[in-house]
N, C-alpha and C. Protein backbone atom coordinates (compact mmCIF):
# COMPACT_ATOMS: atom_id res chain seq x y z
N MET A 1 -17.21 20.15 2.02
CA MET A 1 -18.31 20.11 1.83
C MET A 1 -18.87 18.75 1.10
N ALA A 2 -20.16 18.55 1.84
CA ALA A 2 -21.02 17.31 1.18
C ALA A 2 -21.22 17.02 0.06
N ASN A 3 -21.88 17.98 -0.70
CA ASN A 3 -22.57 17.96 -2.16
C ASN A 3 -21.26 18.38 -3.07
N VAL A 4 -20.51 17.33 -3.66
CA VAL A 4 -19.67 17.67 -4.52
C VAL A 4 -19.80 16.70 -5.90
N PHE A 5 -19.83 17.30 -6.82
CA PHE A 5 -19.94 16.82 -8.27
C PHE A 5 -18.84 16.55 -9.23
N SER A 6 -18.13 16.10 -9.70
CA SER A 6 -17.29 16.07 -10.77
C SER A 6 -17.37 15.13 -11.81
N MET A 7 -16.99 15.43 -13.10
CA MET A 7 -16.70 14.51 -14.13
C MET A 7 -16.14 15.02 -15.28
N PHE A 8 -15.50 14.19 -16.09
CA PHE A 8 -14.74 14.49 -17.50
C PHE A 8 -15.95 14.11 -18.32
N ILE A 9 -16.38 14.93 -19.65
CA ILE A 9 -16.94 14.58 -20.63
C ILE A 9 -16.02 14.68 -21.91
N PRO A 10 -15.75 13.67 -22.57
CA PRO A 10 -14.93 13.47 -23.71
C PRO A 10 -15.90 14.29 -24.91
N CYS A 11 -15.12 15.06 -25.39
CA CYS A 11 -16.00 15.88 -26.36
C CYS A 11 -15.20 17.06 -27.21
N THR A 12 -15.82 17.54 -28.19
CA THR A 12 -15.09 19.00 -28.43
C THR A 12 -15.99 20.03 -27.96
N PRO A 13 -15.37 20.72 -26.90
CA PRO A 13 -16.01 21.89 -26.43
C PRO A 13 -16.61 22.99 -27.33
N LYS A 14 -17.84 23.26 -27.19
CA LYS A 14 -18.73 24.17 -28.02
C LYS A 14 -19.06 25.69 -27.40
N ALA A 15 -18.95 26.64 -28.21
CA ALA A 15 -19.25 27.79 -27.61
C ALA A 15 -20.93 28.13 -28.01
N VAL A 16 -21.44 28.91 -26.91
CA VAL A 16 -22.67 28.98 -27.06
C VAL A 16 -22.99 30.65 -27.15
N GLN A 17 -23.50 30.99 -28.13
CA GLN A 17 -23.84 32.64 -28.37
C GLN A 17 -25.17 32.99 -27.35
N SER A 18 -25.62 34.17 -27.47
CA SER A 18 -26.83 34.43 -26.86
C SER A 18 -27.96 34.16 -27.69
N ASP A 19 -29.22 34.04 -27.30
CA ASP A 19 -30.28 33.81 -28.33
C ASP A 19 -30.39 34.80 -29.44
N ARG A 20 -30.79 34.11 -30.74
CA ARG A 20 -30.98 34.62 -31.78
C ARG A 20 -32.40 35.24 -31.85
N SER A 21 -32.85 36.47 -32.68
CA SER A 21 -33.99 36.93 -32.68
C SER A 21 -34.41 37.13 -34.15
N PHE A 22 -35.77 37.06 -34.65
CA PHE A 22 -36.17 37.88 -35.61
C PHE A 22 -37.55 38.47 -35.54
N SER A 23 -37.66 39.27 -36.36
CA SER A 23 -39.20 40.15 -36.36
C SER A 23 -39.97 39.40 -37.23
N ALA A 24 -41.40 39.19 -36.58
CA ALA A 24 -42.58 38.37 -37.40
C ALA A 24 -43.51 39.39 -36.95
N GLY A 25 -43.86 40.18 -38.10
CA GLY A 25 -44.73 41.18 -37.93
C GLY A 25 -44.38 42.12 -36.58
N LYS A 26 -45.37 42.18 -35.70
CA LYS A 26 -45.06 43.12 -34.51
C LYS A 26 -44.60 42.22 -33.38
N LYS A 27 -44.25 40.89 -33.68
CA LYS A 27 -43.70 39.94 -32.62
C LYS A 27 -42.17 39.87 -32.59
N ILE A 28 -41.54 39.77 -31.70
CA ILE A 28 -40.05 39.32 -31.78
C ILE A 28 -39.95 37.73 -31.41
N ILE A 29 -39.56 37.25 -32.19
CA ILE A 29 -39.23 35.62 -31.88
C ILE A 29 -37.91 35.53 -31.30
N HIS A 30 -37.48 34.94 -30.14
CA HIS A 30 -36.43 34.47 -29.74
C HIS A 30 -35.99 33.10 -29.84
N TYR A 31 -34.71 32.54 -30.42
CA TYR A 31 -34.59 31.18 -30.77
C TYR A 31 -33.13 30.75 -30.30
N GLN A 32 -32.96 29.42 -30.48
CA GLN A 32 -31.36 28.87 -30.31
C GLN A 32 -31.38 28.10 -31.47
N PRO A 33 -30.43 28.17 -32.22
CA PRO A 33 -29.72 27.21 -33.47
C PRO A 33 -30.15 25.90 -32.85
N ALA A 34 -30.18 25.03 -33.89
CA ALA A 34 -30.49 23.58 -33.43
C ALA A 34 -28.87 22.96 -32.82
N LYS A 35 -27.87 23.48 -33.35
CA LYS A 35 -26.67 23.04 -33.31
C LYS A 35 -26.55 23.38 -31.31
N VAL A 36 -27.14 24.57 -30.77
CA VAL A 36 -26.96 24.94 -29.55
C VAL A 36 -27.66 24.05 -28.77
N VAL A 37 -28.72 23.80 -29.16
CA VAL A 37 -29.91 22.87 -28.44
C VAL A 37 -29.28 21.56 -28.40
N ASP A 38 -28.77 20.85 -29.38
CA ASP A 38 -28.01 19.69 -29.33
C ASP A 38 -27.11 19.57 -28.30
N TRP A 39 -25.91 20.64 -28.32
CA TRP A 39 -25.08 20.59 -27.72
C TRP A 39 -25.55 20.65 -26.16
N LYS A 40 -26.51 21.34 -25.75
CA LYS A 40 -27.09 21.36 -24.19
C LYS A 40 -27.83 20.12 -23.95
N ALA A 41 -28.35 19.58 -24.89
CA ALA A 41 -28.87 18.10 -24.80
C ALA A 41 -27.65 17.12 -24.45
N PHE A 42 -26.83 17.35 -25.22
CA PHE A 42 -25.26 16.42 -24.97
C PHE A 42 -25.11 16.40 -23.50
N ILE A 43 -24.72 17.61 -23.05
CA ILE A 43 -24.38 17.90 -21.58
C ILE A 43 -25.07 17.20 -20.68
N ARG A 44 -26.63 17.80 -20.87
CA ARG A 44 -27.45 17.13 -19.77
C ARG A 44 -27.70 15.49 -20.02
N ILE A 45 -27.52 15.02 -20.70
CA ILE A 45 -27.62 13.30 -20.96
C ILE A 45 -26.40 12.94 -20.15
N SER A 46 -25.29 13.68 -20.81
CA SER A 46 -23.85 13.28 -20.35
C SER A 46 -23.69 13.34 -18.42
N VAL A 47 -24.31 14.26 -18.12
CA VAL A 47 -24.31 14.62 -16.55
C VAL A 47 -25.22 13.55 -15.91
N LEU A 48 -26.52 13.49 -16.58
CA LEU A 48 -27.60 12.40 -15.88
C LEU A 48 -27.01 11.08 -15.70
N ASN A 49 -26.25 10.66 -16.80
CA ASN A 49 -25.57 9.41 -17.02
C ASN A 49 -24.75 9.20 -15.57
N LYS A 50 -23.99 10.22 -14.97
CA LYS A 50 -22.96 10.12 -14.05
C LYS A 50 -23.62 10.51 -12.60
N LEU A 51 -24.99 11.03 -12.74
CA LEU A 51 -25.39 11.32 -11.39
C LEU A 51 -25.75 9.88 -10.53
N ASP A 52 -25.59 10.22 -9.17
CA ASP A 52 -25.86 9.10 -8.28
C ASP A 52 -27.68 9.49 -8.37
N LYS A 53 -28.13 8.22 -7.88
CA LYS A 53 -29.73 8.17 -8.12
C LYS A 53 -30.20 9.27 -6.91
N ASP A 54 -29.77 9.37 -5.58
CA ASP A 54 -29.75 10.25 -4.73
C ASP A 54 -29.60 11.65 -4.82
N TRP A 55 -28.93 11.96 -6.12
CA TRP A 55 -28.41 13.36 -5.93
C TRP A 55 -29.81 14.23 -6.03
N GLU A 56 -29.71 15.48 -5.22
CA GLU A 56 -30.57 16.37 -5.53
C GLU A 56 -29.94 17.79 -6.14
N PRO A 57 -30.64 18.53 -6.76
CA PRO A 57 -29.89 19.84 -7.19
C PRO A 57 -29.47 20.77 -6.17
N LEU A 58 -28.14 21.04 -6.28
CA LEU A 58 -27.94 22.15 -4.95
C LEU A 58 -28.72 23.27 -4.73
N ASP A 59 -28.74 23.62 -3.69
CA ASP A 59 -29.54 24.77 -2.96
C ASP A 59 -28.73 25.66 -2.85
N GLY A 60 -28.80 27.24 -2.91
CA GLY A 60 -27.92 28.16 -2.22
C GLY A 60 -26.69 28.37 -3.28
N PRO A 61 -25.91 29.42 -2.92
CA PRO A 61 -24.71 29.53 -3.78
C PRO A 61 -23.90 28.33 -4.17
N VAL A 62 -23.40 28.31 -5.38
CA VAL A 62 -22.75 27.28 -5.86
C VAL A 62 -21.32 27.57 -6.52
N ASP A 63 -20.34 26.80 -6.24
CA ASP A 63 -19.01 26.87 -7.11
C ASP A 63 -18.88 26.06 -8.12
N VAL A 64 -18.30 26.67 -9.54
CA VAL A 64 -18.06 25.75 -10.51
C VAL A 64 -16.80 25.94 -11.02
N VAL A 65 -16.34 25.08 -11.50
CA VAL A 65 -14.76 24.72 -12.02
C VAL A 65 -15.17 24.13 -13.34
N LEU A 66 -14.51 24.75 -14.28
CA LEU A 66 -14.79 24.41 -15.87
C LEU A 66 -13.25 24.27 -16.47
N ALA A 67 -13.01 23.28 -16.92
CA ALA A 67 -11.83 23.21 -17.86
C ALA A 67 -12.24 22.81 -19.19
N HIS A 68 -12.34 23.64 -20.09
CA HIS A 68 -12.48 23.31 -21.56
C HIS A 68 -11.26 23.08 -22.34
N LEU A 69 -11.08 21.80 -22.81
CA LEU A 69 -9.66 21.20 -23.32
C LEU A 69 -9.64 20.61 -24.72
N PHE A 70 -9.05 21.56 -25.61
CA PHE A 70 -8.81 21.24 -26.84
C PHE A 70 -7.65 20.64 -27.37
N LEU A 71 -7.68 19.82 -28.29
CA LEU A 71 -6.56 18.97 -28.94
C LEU A 71 -5.69 20.46 -29.60
N PRO A 72 -4.27 20.28 -29.75
CA PRO A 72 -3.61 21.50 -30.27
C PRO A 72 -3.46 21.36 -31.87
N ARG A 73 -3.94 22.59 -32.23
CA ARG A 73 -3.69 22.96 -33.66
C ARG A 73 -2.40 22.28 -34.11
N LYS A 74 -2.36 21.74 -35.39
CA LYS A 74 -1.22 21.12 -36.15
C LYS A 74 0.06 22.40 -36.33
N THR A 75 -0.33 23.46 -36.46
CA THR A 75 0.35 24.77 -36.63
C THR A 75 1.06 25.24 -35.14
N GLU A 76 0.72 24.42 -34.03
CA GLU A 76 1.37 25.09 -32.73
C GLU A 76 2.90 24.71 -32.75
N LYS A 77 3.73 25.45 -31.95
CA LYS A 77 5.01 25.42 -32.08
C LYS A 77 5.73 24.00 -31.23
N LYS A 78 6.62 23.66 -31.75
CA LYS A 78 7.10 22.27 -31.16
C LYS A 78 7.30 22.17 -29.90
N ALA A 79 7.76 23.16 -29.05
CA ALA A 79 7.83 23.26 -27.58
C ALA A 79 6.30 23.10 -27.15
N VAL A 80 5.38 23.86 -27.60
CA VAL A 80 4.04 23.58 -26.99
C VAL A 80 3.59 22.19 -27.20
N LEU A 81 3.75 21.63 -28.34
CA LEU A 81 3.36 20.26 -28.75
C LEU A 81 4.17 19.17 -27.49
N LYS A 82 5.21 19.67 -27.40
CA LYS A 82 6.11 18.82 -26.43
C LYS A 82 5.57 18.72 -25.17
N LEU A 83 5.38 20.04 -24.59
CA LEU A 83 4.43 20.15 -23.37
C LEU A 83 3.26 19.49 -23.35
N ILE A 84 2.47 19.40 -24.27
CA ILE A 84 1.27 18.76 -24.31
C ILE A 84 1.50 17.54 -24.17
N GLU A 85 2.63 16.74 -25.13
CA GLU A 85 2.84 15.54 -25.02
C GLU A 85 3.33 15.05 -23.83
N GLU A 86 3.76 15.69 -22.92
CA GLU A 86 4.23 15.20 -21.46
C GLU A 86 3.18 15.56 -20.56
N GLY A 87 2.03 15.82 -21.25
CA GLY A 87 0.64 15.67 -19.93
C GLY A 87 0.17 17.05 -19.57
N MET A 88 0.83 18.18 -19.98
CA MET A 88 0.76 19.36 -19.58
C MET A 88 -0.27 20.20 -20.25
N TRP A 89 -1.25 20.95 -19.83
CA TRP A 89 -2.02 21.86 -20.33
C TRP A 89 -1.56 23.08 -20.77
N VAL A 90 -1.81 23.81 -21.79
CA VAL A 90 -1.25 25.06 -22.48
C VAL A 90 -2.23 25.90 -22.48
N TYR A 91 -2.42 26.94 -21.99
CA TYR A 91 -3.35 27.92 -22.17
C TYR A 91 -3.93 28.16 -23.78
N LYS A 92 -5.16 28.40 -24.22
CA LYS A 92 -5.48 28.50 -25.61
C LYS A 92 -6.12 29.98 -25.52
N THR A 93 -5.22 30.85 -26.23
CA THR A 93 -5.80 32.09 -26.31
C THR A 93 -6.15 32.67 -27.83
N THR A 94 -6.83 31.37 -28.56
CA THR A 94 -7.56 31.74 -29.55
C THR A 94 -9.26 31.33 -29.27
N ARG A 95 -9.89 31.98 -30.48
CA ARG A 95 -11.06 31.32 -30.53
C ARG A 95 -11.55 29.92 -30.00
N PRO A 96 -12.57 29.67 -29.20
CA PRO A 96 -13.90 30.68 -28.90
C PRO A 96 -13.64 31.42 -27.84
N ASP A 97 -14.14 32.23 -27.57
CA ASP A 97 -14.39 33.18 -26.18
C ASP A 97 -14.66 32.29 -24.91
N LYS A 98 -13.89 32.39 -23.96
CA LYS A 98 -14.03 31.73 -22.72
C LYS A 98 -15.49 31.57 -22.10
N ASP A 99 -15.88 32.96 -22.04
CA ASP A 99 -17.43 33.13 -21.67
C ASP A 99 -18.27 32.52 -22.36
N ASN A 100 -18.26 32.28 -23.58
CA ASN A 100 -19.31 31.79 -24.65
C ASN A 100 -19.25 29.95 -24.41
N LEU A 101 -18.03 29.75 -23.83
CA LEU A 101 -17.86 28.13 -23.65
C LEU A 101 -18.72 27.79 -22.41
N GLY A 102 -18.79 28.54 -21.30
CA GLY A 102 -19.49 28.34 -20.13
C GLY A 102 -21.04 28.34 -20.28
N LYS A 103 -21.19 29.14 -21.06
CA LYS A 103 -22.79 29.53 -21.08
C LYS A 103 -23.77 28.29 -21.35
N GLY A 104 -23.12 27.38 -22.18
CA GLY A 104 -24.05 26.46 -22.36
C GLY A 104 -24.32 25.23 -21.22
N PHE A 105 -23.02 25.24 -20.59
CA PHE A 105 -23.05 24.25 -19.20
C PHE A 105 -23.81 24.90 -18.47
N TYR A 106 -23.60 26.02 -17.89
CA TYR A 106 -24.71 26.61 -17.05
C TYR A 106 -26.19 26.43 -17.29
N ASP A 107 -26.50 26.70 -18.46
CA ASP A 107 -27.75 26.47 -18.81
C ASP A 107 -28.27 25.00 -18.93
N ALA A 108 -27.28 24.28 -19.29
CA ALA A 108 -27.71 23.02 -19.58
C ALA A 108 -28.08 21.91 -18.22
N CYS A 109 -27.23 22.58 -17.26
CA CYS A 109 -26.83 21.90 -15.93
C CYS A 109 -28.05 22.47 -14.93
N SER A 110 -28.85 23.29 -15.21
CA SER A 110 -30.00 23.72 -14.57
C SER A 110 -31.02 22.98 -14.17
N GLY A 111 -31.47 22.77 -13.01
CA GLY A 111 -32.49 21.79 -12.82
C GLY A 111 -31.65 20.10 -12.48
N LEU A 112 -30.39 20.15 -12.81
CA LEU A 112 -29.64 18.76 -12.73
C LEU A 112 -28.61 18.87 -11.50
N LEU A 113 -27.73 19.39 -11.68
CA LEU A 113 -26.58 19.88 -10.42
C LEU A 113 -27.05 21.21 -9.46
N TRP A 114 -27.71 22.09 -10.03
CA TRP A 114 -28.43 23.21 -9.37
C TRP A 114 -29.71 23.45 -9.51
N LYS A 115 -30.33 24.19 -9.00
CA LYS A 115 -32.00 24.56 -9.38
C LYS A 115 -31.91 25.42 -10.29
N ASP A 116 -31.00 26.78 -10.34
CA ASP A 116 -30.90 27.56 -11.59
C ASP A 116 -29.43 27.89 -11.50
N ASP A 117 -29.28 28.50 -12.68
CA ASP A 117 -27.77 28.84 -12.96
C ASP A 117 -27.66 30.37 -12.38
N ALA A 118 -28.63 31.03 -11.85
CA ALA A 118 -28.28 32.21 -11.03
C ALA A 118 -27.49 31.79 -9.97
N GLN A 119 -27.58 30.66 -9.36
CA GLN A 119 -27.00 30.46 -8.20
C GLN A 119 -25.54 30.30 -8.47
N VAL A 120 -25.19 30.36 -9.42
CA VAL A 120 -23.70 30.11 -9.77
C VAL A 120 -22.84 31.48 -9.13
N ALA A 121 -22.35 31.35 -7.84
CA ALA A 121 -21.68 32.73 -7.26
C ALA A 121 -20.25 32.81 -7.56
N HIS A 122 -19.79 31.76 -7.67
CA HIS A 122 -18.09 31.94 -8.01
C HIS A 122 -17.93 30.78 -9.03
N SER A 123 -16.89 30.87 -9.76
CA SER A 123 -16.41 29.95 -11.14
C SER A 123 -15.17 30.37 -11.18
N ASP A 124 -14.50 29.20 -11.74
CA ASP A 124 -13.04 29.32 -12.39
C ASP A 124 -13.30 28.24 -13.56
N GLU A 125 -12.70 28.97 -14.64
CA GLU A 125 -12.90 28.57 -16.05
C GLU A 125 -11.68 28.88 -16.67
N ILE A 126 -11.16 27.80 -17.28
CA ILE A 126 -10.07 27.98 -18.25
C ILE A 126 -10.29 27.27 -19.53
N LYS A 127 -9.58 27.59 -20.64
CA LYS A 127 -9.69 26.81 -21.92
C LYS A 127 -7.99 26.70 -22.18
N ALA A 128 -7.86 25.64 -22.87
CA ALA A 128 -6.42 24.89 -22.89
C ALA A 128 -6.28 23.96 -23.97
N TYR A 129 -4.99 23.77 -24.23
CA TYR A 129 -4.87 22.81 -25.24
C TYR A 129 -4.39 21.70 -24.38
N ALA A 130 -4.60 20.28 -24.66
CA ALA A 130 -4.73 19.31 -23.91
C ALA A 130 -4.30 18.17 -24.67
N LYS A 131 -3.70 16.98 -24.08
CA LYS A 131 -3.81 15.67 -24.89
C LYS A 131 -5.27 15.04 -25.11
N VAL A 132 -5.95 15.02 -24.44
CA VAL A 132 -7.18 14.70 -24.51
C VAL A 132 -8.25 15.86 -24.59
N GLU A 133 -9.11 15.83 -25.75
CA GLU A 133 -10.29 17.08 -25.77
C GLU A 133 -11.50 16.57 -24.94
N GLY A 134 -11.84 17.52 -24.13
CA GLY A 134 -13.16 17.48 -23.56
C GLY A 134 -13.43 18.45 -22.42
N VAL A 135 -14.18 18.21 -21.75
CA VAL A 135 -14.82 19.18 -20.63
C VAL A 135 -14.74 18.65 -19.21
N PHE A 136 -13.90 19.26 -18.33
CA PHE A 136 -13.81 18.83 -16.83
C PHE A 136 -14.75 19.89 -16.41
N ILE A 137 -15.71 19.07 -15.24
CA ILE A 137 -16.52 20.00 -14.34
C ILE A 137 -16.65 19.74 -13.05
N CYS A 138 -16.50 20.62 -11.93
CA CYS A 138 -16.44 20.25 -10.85
C CYS A 138 -17.57 21.23 -10.13
N VAL A 139 -18.52 20.75 -9.34
CA VAL A 139 -19.61 21.68 -8.77
C VAL A 139 -19.64 21.42 -7.28
N LYS A 140 -19.64 22.53 -6.41
CA LYS A 140 -19.73 22.29 -5.00
C LYS A 140 -20.75 23.25 -4.38
N ASN A 141 -21.52 23.39 -3.26
CA ASN A 141 -22.17 24.12 -2.53
C ASN A 141 -20.85 25.17 -1.86
N LEU A 142 -21.21 26.60 -1.78
CA LEU A 142 -20.54 27.63 -1.04
C LEU A 142 -21.22 27.73 0.06
N PRO A 143 -20.63 28.35 1.36
CA PRO A 143 -20.99 28.82 2.35
C PRO A 143 -22.12 30.16 2.05
N GLN A 144 -22.98 30.38 2.98
CA GLN A 144 -23.84 31.45 2.70
C GLN A 144 -23.05 32.81 2.77
N SER A 145 -22.15 32.98 3.68
CA SER A 145 -21.69 34.08 3.62
C SER A 145 -20.01 34.24 3.58
N ILE A 146 -19.11 35.30 3.05
CA ILE A 146 -17.83 35.10 2.93
C ILE A 146 -17.58 36.42 3.67
N PRO A 147 -16.13 36.46 3.99
CA PRO A 147 -15.71 37.61 4.50
C PRO A 147 -15.39 39.07 3.50
N ALA A 148 -16.01 40.39 3.93
CA ALA A 148 -15.81 41.41 3.09
C ALA A 148 -14.64 41.61 2.47
N TYR A 149 -14.32 41.81 1.04
CA TYR A 149 -13.07 42.08 0.48
C TYR A 149 -12.78 43.54 0.39
N ILE A 150 -13.66 44.12 0.83
CA ILE A 150 -13.31 45.90 0.83
C ILE A 150 -14.03 46.14 2.11
N ASN A 151 -13.56 47.38 2.37
CA ASN A 151 -14.46 48.02 3.39
C ASN A 151 -15.11 49.09 2.69
N ILE A 152 -16.49 49.37 2.76
CA ILE A 152 -17.07 49.92 2.05
C ILE A 152 -17.81 51.24 2.99
N SER A 153 -17.49 51.11 3.96
CA SER A 153 -18.34 52.28 5.14
C SER A 153 -17.39 53.46 5.24
């Protein structure tokens, strides 16, 4: 596919929760905490700095690969630390939740990598311990149609 974008962003991956709300009289006000706004801005700036001048946001269905890489905890088993030292990634099964890690990226990249995050029709995400902390992202267009996986007739 012609339209492919990938990059590694050195950082500590951050989880993004849904908007928060509070009641002000009869109105309900929705907001995002400043740290979430700052995280999304960091992602946007990182992506903008890497994009070619002629890049246009992808149109149609989009495929996204995200790898959220964390430094291992000091309490990890020696066998795990050895694997990481050898350059392997080891699945992280503790918080933050994987789905909350992707939310900020999908929002932050809307209008940059794709027109709207609703276009993300397929994604692969992992969270793992690694030698280097950061987020790897790869984005590409998908074909308009796919073979049916199940026969529903």
